[in-house]
C-alpha atoms as a PDB file:
ATOM      1  CA  MET A   1      -1.302   9.773   6.306  1.00  0.00           C
ATOM      2  CA  ILE A   2       0.668   6.601   6.963  1.00  0.00           C
ATOM      3  CA  VAL A   3      -1.045   3.239   6.630  1.00  0.00           C
ATOM      4  CA  ILE A   4       0.781   0.451   8.430  1.00  0.00           C
ATOM      5  CA  GLY A   5       0.376  -2.813   6.561  1.00  0.00           C
ATOM      6  CA  GLY A   6      -0.075  -3.596   2.883  1.00  0.00           C
ATOM      7  CA  GLY A   7      -2.756  -6.242   3.222  1.00  0.00           C
ATOM      8  CA  PRO A   8      -6.215  -5.957   1.674  1.00  0.00           C
ATOM      9  CA  PHE A   9      -7.600  -3.666   4.387  1.00  0.00           C
ATOM     10  CA  GLY A  10      -4.534  -1.393   4.405  1.00  0.00           C
ATOM     11  CA  CYS A  11      -4.561  -1.065   0.620  1.00  0.00           C
ATOM     12  CA  GLU A  12      -8.277  -0.324   0.599  1.00  0.00           C
ATOM     13  CA  MET A  13      -7.926   2.398   3.228  1.00  0.00           C
ATOM     14  CA  ALA A  14      -4.872   3.873   1.499  1.00  0.00           C
ATOM     15  CA  GLN A  15      -6.607   4.128  -1.853  1.00  0.00           C
ATOM     16  CA  ALA A  16      -9.808   5.546  -0.351  1.00  0.00           C
ATOM     17  CA  PHE A  17      -8.028   8.279   1.605  1.00  0.00           C
ATOM     18  CA  CYS A  18      -5.785   9.086  -1.357  1.00  0.00           C
ATOM     19  CA  ARG A  19      -8.819   9.531  -3.598  1.00  0.00           C
ATOM     20  CA  LEU A  20     -10.329  11.799  -0.930  1.00  0.00           C
ATOM     21  CA  GLY A  21      -7.281  14.061  -1.212  1.00  0.00           C
ATOM     22  CA  SER A  22      -4.848  12.862   1.477  1.00  0.00           C
ATOM     23  CA  LYS A  23      -1.175  12.191   0.793  1.00  0.00           C
ATOM     24  CA  VAL A  24      -0.860   8.508   1.716  1.00  0.00           C
ATOM     25  CA  THR A  25       2.145   6.285   2.346  1.00  0.00           C
ATOM     26  CA  VAL A  26       1.817   2.533   2.912  1.00  0.00           C
ATOM     27  CA  VAL A  27       4.526   1.007   5.118  1.00  0.00           C
ATOM     28  CA  ASP A  28       4.848  -2.781   5.223  1.00  0.00           C
ATOM     29  CA  MET A  29       7.277  -5.267   6.791  1.00  0.00           C
ATOM     30  CA  GLY A  30       7.112  -7.656   3.837  1.00  0.00           C
ATOM     31  CA  PRO A  31       8.708  -7.474   0.402  1.00  0.00           C
ATOM     32  CA  GLN A  32       5.384  -6.720  -1.345  1.00  0.00           C
ATOM     33  CA  ILE A  33       1.828  -5.626  -0.663  1.00  0.00           C
ATOM     34  CA  LEU A  34      -0.973  -8.211  -0.701  1.00  0.00           C
ATOM     35  CA  PRO A  35       1.384 -11.097   0.148  1.00  0.00           C
ATOM     36  CA  ARG A  36      -1.199 -13.861  -0.396  1.00  0.00           C
ATOM     37  CA  GLU A  37      -2.150 -12.731  -3.898  1.00  0.00           C
ATOM     38  CA  ASP A  38      -0.693 -13.625  -7.284  1.00  0.00           C
ATOM     39  CA  ALA A  39       2.345 -11.500  -8.231  1.00  0.00           C
ATOM     40  CA  ASP A  40       0.730 -10.344 -11.507  1.00  0.00           C
ATOM     41  CA  LEU A  41      -2.352  -9.122  -9.646  1.00  0.00           C
ATOM     42  CA  VAL A  42      -0.194  -7.349  -7.057  1.00  0.00           C
ATOM     43  CA  ARG A  43       1.694  -5.559  -9.822  1.00  0.00           C
ATOM     44  CA  VAL A  44      -1.554  -4.282 -11.384  1.00  0.00           C
ATOM     45  CA  VAL A  45      -2.973  -3.119  -8.046  1.00  0.00           C
ATOM     46  CA  ARG A  46       0.262  -1.418  -6.967  1.00  0.00           C
ATOM     47  CA  ASN A  47       0.683   0.335 -10.334  1.00  0.00           C
ATOM     48  CA  GLN A  48      -2.861   1.703 -10.154  1.00  0.00           C
ATOM     49  CA  MET A  49      -2.440   2.845  -6.571  1.00  0.00           C
ATOM     50  CA  GLU A  50       0.863   4.549  -7.393  1.00  0.00           C
ATOM     51  CA  HIS A  51      -0.849   6.218 -10.349  1.00  0.00           C
ATOM     52  CA  ASP A  52      -3.484   7.497  -7.896  1.00  0.00           C
ATOM     53  CA  GLY A  53      -0.702   8.908  -5.716  1.00  0.00           C
ATOM     54  CA  VAL A  54      -0.120   6.285  -3.001  1.00  0.00           C
ATOM     55  CA  GLU A  55       3.528   5.857  -2.013  1.00  0.00           C
ATOM     56  CA  PHE A  56       4.887   2.480  -0.849  1.00  0.00           C
ATOM     57  CA  HIS A  57       7.782   1.489   1.422  1.00  0.00           C
ATOM     58  CA  ASN A  58       8.373  -2.247   1.817  1.00  0.00           C
ATOM     59  CA  ASP A  59      10.750  -4.213   4.045  1.00  0.00           C
ATOM     60  CA  ILE A  60      10.352  -1.602   6.790  1.00  0.00           C
ATOM     61  CA  LYS A  61      10.493  -2.476  10.482  1.00  0.00           C
ATOM     62  CA  ILE A  62       8.410  -0.143  12.609  1.00  0.00           C
ATOM     63  CA  VAL A  63       9.888   0.370  16.045  1.00  0.00           C
ATOM     64  CA  ARG A  64       7.353   2.792  17.541  1.00  0.00           C
END
């Protein structure tokens, strides 16, 4: 499953589906997920999600 966008809703959906057994990749246009949050918090959240099995690709432009 591909989740487009690494904001709060995208991260929540990605983690939920990953924990339900789906292979999940988060694709985001920005340099990091959760762009409005503190960098230390983002690091903790991303590390946990990667530990759960979520894959991230940042700085990606989606054409179609």
